[in-house]
Amino acid sequence: MTRISSDNGEENIPSMVNNPHLFFAEVSLDLSRGSFQSGLDKLKPFSDYFADSYLFNFLFAKALRGLHNHALAGEYLRKCCDIAPANQVAWNELVELQAEAGEENGVPSVKFDPICSELESLTAALLKFSPAQTTENSDPTSILEQKQPFPDDTTIAVPTESLANLFSAQGAYKKAINIYTLLIKLKPQKAELYQEEIDALLNRL
């Protein structure tokens, strides 16, 4: 079994490295009792194993805060904020820590603003962002191509009298007839009127 060295001498790495819930619960109990040094001593040997763990870094910060090591506690809390930006627990703890540190030093505390901090991080990320270069290298659609009429038998999704009149005015009689034919089905009460329009257009073809 792998072994490590700690302040209490060499000991086996407990199986809780793979299942750390009991370990974290034990450390939390120490901290709740005010045994900050004991909790810190238990955490230290496992720093390499849980470096990216939100809970580990948070407990480490709590222990350091209890020992009044505000500077180092702040670093661990900021790491928590980086690991899980949406988790407000570490943000709030950091605000309290900075206020507490200011009071102990007898200077006005500059409170940590999590929103400003997150915006600064986003700004820094945006400054480094460069959009991917497009691989599109063809010319834009020409005006001539854009003006090309669609086929006479193209289905019209929303047939209207205005559209039929527009086609008639443009001389697109087949398109207008197509629209009137659709309108007869949609508005049978005006079928006679539409049929007259169709007949008139057929005479122009």
Protein backbone atom coordinates (compact mmCIF):
# COMPACT_ATOMS: atom_id res chain seq x y z
CA MET A 1 0.00 0.00 0.00
CA THR A 2 1.21 3.51 -0.79
CA ARG A 3 2.46 5.42 2.22
CA ILE A 4 2.87 9.08 2.99
CA SER A 5 4.64 11.17 5.60
CA SER A 6 2.73 13.53 7.87
CA ASP A 7 3.43 15.57 10.99
CA ASN A 8 2.32 12.60 13.05
CA GLY A 9 4.72 10.20 11.33
CA GLU A 10 4.37 7.84 8.41
CA GLU A 11 0.96 6.27 8.02
CA ASN A 12 -1.09 4.42 5.46
CA ILE A 13 -3.26 6.44 3.10
CA PRO A 14 -6.77 5.55 4.24
CA SER A 15 -9.25 4.05 1.85
CA MET A 16 -11.28 7.25 2.22
CA VAL A 17 -9.14 8.76 -0.55
CA ASN A 18 -11.38 6.80 -2.89
CA ASN A 19 -14.50 7.43 -0.77
CA PRO A 20 -13.80 10.64 1.12
CA HIS A 21 -17.24 11.37 2.60
CA LEU A 22 -16.46 10.00 6.07
CA PHE A 23 -13.11 11.78 6.07
CA PHE A 24 -14.68 15.13 5.21
CA ALA A 25 -17.41 14.57 7.80
CA GLU A 26 -14.76 13.93 10.47
CA VAL A 27 -12.88 17.12 9.54
CA SER A 28 -16.12 19.11 9.53
CA LEU A 29 -16.86 17.85 13.02
CA ASP A 30 -13.43 19.03 14.21
CA LEU A 31 -14.03 22.49 12.73
CA SER A 32 -17.50 22.76 14.25
CA ARG A 33 -15.93 22.04 17.65
CA GLY A 34 -13.28 24.71 17.14
CA SER A 35 -10.49 22.16 16.70
CA PHE A 36 -9.07 24.02 13.70
CA GLN A 37 -5.50 22.79 14.04
CA SER A 38 -6.67 19.19 14.30
CA GLY A 39 -8.78 19.58 11.16
CA LEU A 40 -5.90 21.21 9.32
CA ASP A 41 -3.51 18.44 10.34
CA LYS A 42 -5.91 15.85 8.94
CA LEU A 43 -6.32 17.73 5.66
CA LYS A 44 -2.68 18.55 4.90
CA PRO A 45 -1.49 15.05 3.92
CA PHE A 46 -4.17 14.84 1.23
CA SER A 47 -3.65 18.17 -0.53
CA ASP A 48 -2.35 16.47 -3.68
CA TYR A 49 -5.25 14.01 -3.81
CA PHE A 50 -8.06 16.54 -3.47
CA ALA A 51 -6.51 19.62 -5.09
CA ASP A 52 -9.54 20.07 -7.36
CA SER A 53 -12.16 19.24 -4.75
CA TYR A 54 -14.45 22.13 -3.81
CA LEU A 55 -15.22 20.64 -0.39
CA PHE A 56 -11.58 19.94 0.45
CA ASN A 57 -10.49 23.48 -0.40
CA PHE A 58 -13.44 24.92 1.48
CA LEU A 59 -12.65 22.92 4.64
CA PHE A 60 -8.99 23.91 4.33
CA ALA A 61 -10.03 27.57 4.15
CA LYS A 62 -12.33 27.20 7.16
CA ALA A 63 -9.53 25.67 9.22
CA LEU A 64 -7.11 28.43 8.22
CA ARG A 65 -9.72 31.09 8.98
CA GLY A 66 -10.23 29.58 12.42
CA LEU A 67 -6.47 29.89 12.96
CA HIS A 68 -6.64 33.54 11.78
CA ASN A 69 -4.54 32.89 8.69
CA HIS A 70 -6.77 35.09 6.57
CA ALA A 71 -4.45 35.54 3.62
CA LEU A 72 -4.05 31.81 2.96
CA ALA A 73 -7.70 31.13 3.75
CA GLY A 74 -8.63 33.69 1.10
CA GLU A 75 -6.53 31.87 -1.50
CA TYR A 76 -8.33 28.59 -0.83
CA LEU A 77 -11.73 30.28 -0.96
CA ARG A 78 -10.87 31.89 -4.29
CA LYS A 79 -9.90 28.46 -5.57
CA CYS A 80 -13.34 27.22 -4.50
CA CYS A 81 -14.91 30.07 -6.48
CA ASP A 82 -12.89 29.05 -9.54
CA ILE A 83 -13.91 25.40 -9.19
CA ALA A 84 -17.63 26.14 -8.75
CA PRO A 85 -18.46 29.77 -9.61
CA ALA A 86 -22.20 29.20 -9.16
CA ASN A 87 -21.83 27.98 -5.57
CA GLN A 88 -22.43 31.04 -3.40
CA VAL A 89 -21.16 29.48 -0.14
CA ALA A 90 -17.48 30.19 -0.83
CA TRP A 91 -18.32 33.64 -2.23
CA ASN A 92 -20.13 34.58 0.99
CA GLU A 93 -17.36 33.13 3.13
CA LEU A 94 -14.82 35.22 1.24
CA VAL A 95 -16.85 38.38 1.81
CA GLU A 96 -17.03 37.66 5.55
CA LEU A 97 -13.34 36.79 5.68
CA GLN A 98 -12.26 40.06 4.14
CA ALA A 99 -14.55 42.06 6.42
CA GLU A 100 -13.20 40.16 9.42
CA ALA A 101 -9.59 40.68 8.37
CA GLY A 102 -10.19 44.41 7.98
CA GLU A 103 -11.74 44.71 11.43
CA GLU A 104 -8.87 42.84 13.09
CA ASN A 105 -6.30 45.07 11.38
CA GLY A 106 -8.18 48.20 12.38
CA VAL A 107 -8.60 49.37 8.78
CA PRO A 108 -11.77 49.82 6.75
CA SER A 109 -12.45 46.54 5.03
CA VAL A 110 -12.76 46.49 1.27
CA LYS A 111 -15.49 43.96 0.73
CA PHE A 112 -15.07 41.37 -1.96
CA ASP A 113 -17.68 41.74 -4.66
CA PRO A 114 -18.30 38.33 -6.27
CA ILE A 115 -20.16 39.85 -9.22
CA CYS A 116 -17.34 42.26 -10.04
CA SER A 117 -14.81 39.47 -9.66
CA GLU A 118 -16.74 37.23 -12.03
CA LEU A 119 -17.11 40.06 -14.55
CA GLU A 120 -13.38 40.68 -14.39
CA SER A 121 -12.76 37.00 -15.09
CA LEU A 122 -15.16 37.07 -18.02
CA THR A 123 -13.56 40.23 -19.37
CA ALA A 124 -10.12 38.64 -19.17
CA ALA A 125 -11.42 35.56 -20.99
CA LEU A 126 -13.03 37.69 -23.71
CA LEU A 127 -9.79 39.60 -24.25
CA LYS A 128 -8.08 36.29 -25.00
CA PHE A 129 -10.91 35.10 -27.25
CA SER A 130 -10.34 35.09 -30.97
CA PRO A 131 -13.15 33.92 -33.25
CA ALA A 132 -12.47 30.97 -35.49
CA GLN A 133 -11.59 31.95 -39.02
CA THR A 134 -14.37 31.19 -41.45
CA THR A 135 -13.69 28.72 -44.22
CA GLU A 136 -16.32 30.33 -46.46
CA ASN A 137 -14.57 31.60 -49.56
CA SER A 138 -17.32 31.78 -52.16
CA ASP A 139 -18.69 35.06 -53.46
CA PRO A 140 -22.01 36.38 -52.12
CA THR A 141 -25.12 35.50 -54.03
CA SER A 142 -25.29 37.81 -57.02
CA ILE A 143 -28.12 40.30 -57.44
CA LEU A 144 -29.08 38.61 -60.71
CA GLU A 145 -29.39 35.27 -58.94
CA GLN A 146 -31.38 36.83 -56.11
CA LYS A 147 -33.87 38.27 -58.60
CA GLN A 148 -34.48 34.95 -60.32
CA PRO A 149 -38.19 34.05 -59.97
CA PHE A 150 -39.18 30.85 -58.29
CA PRO A 151 -40.95 28.21 -60.43
CA ASP A 152 -44.64 28.64 -61.18
CA ASP A 153 -45.54 25.39 -59.42
CA THR A 154 -43.79 26.33 -56.17
CA THR A 155 -46.10 25.84 -53.20
CA ILE A 156 -47.12 29.11 -51.56
CA ALA A 157 -47.18 28.70 -47.78
CA VAL A 158 -49.48 31.67 -47.12
CA PRO A 159 -51.63 32.49 -50.17
CA THR A 160 -53.27 35.90 -50.03
CA GLU A 161 -55.25 38.13 -52.38
CA SER A 162 -52.55 40.80 -52.11
CA LEU A 163 -49.92 38.35 -53.29
CA ALA A 164 -52.13 37.26 -56.19
CA ASN A 165 -52.65 40.91 -57.19
CA LEU A 166 -48.89 41.51 -56.98
CA PHE A 167 -48.15 38.58 -59.29
CA SER A 168 -50.81 39.80 -61.71
CA ALA A 169 -49.29 43.28 -61.78
CA GLN A 170 -45.83 41.79 -62.46
CA GLY A 171 -47.16 39.65 -65.31
CA ALA A 172 -46.57 36.40 -63.39
CA TYR A 173 -50.00 35.13 -64.38
CA LYS A 174 -49.39 31.43 -63.67
CA LYS A 175 -48.29 32.24 -60.14
CA ALA A 176 -51.37 34.42 -59.64
CA ILE A 177 -53.62 31.63 -60.94
CA ASN A 178 -51.94 29.21 -58.55
CA ILE A 179 -52.71 31.55 -55.61
CA TYR A 180 -56.34 32.06 -56.62
CA THR A 181 -56.77 28.29 -56.94
CA LEU A 182 -55.52 27.87 -53.38
CA LEU A 183 -57.75 30.70 -52.16
CA ILE A 184 -60.83 28.97 -53.59
CA LYS A 185 -60.15 26.07 -51.22
CA LEU A 186 -59.44 28.36 -48.28
CA LYS A 187 -62.33 30.78 -48.84
CA PRO A 188 -65.08 28.91 -50.74
CA GLN A 189 -67.51 31.77 -50.06
CA LYS A 190 -65.47 33.89 -52.52
CA ALA A 191 -64.90 31.08 -55.00
CA GLU A 192 -66.93 32.77 -57.73
CA LEU A 193 -64.86 35.97 -57.49
CA TYR A 194 -61.60 34.05 -57.57
CA GLN A 195 -62.76 31.98 -60.55
CA GLU A 196 -63.46 35.18 -62.46
CA GLU A 197 -59.92 36.38 -61.71
CA ILE A 198 -58.55 33.03 -62.92
CA ASP A 199 -60.54 33.23 -66.15
CA ALA A 200 -59.30 36.77 -66.80
CA LEU A 201 -55.69 35.69 -66.21
CA LEU A 202 -56.06 32.67 -68.48
CA ASN A 203 -57.10 35.02 -71.28
CA ARG A 204 -53.82 36.89 -70.85
CA LEU A 205 -51.61 33.81 -71.19
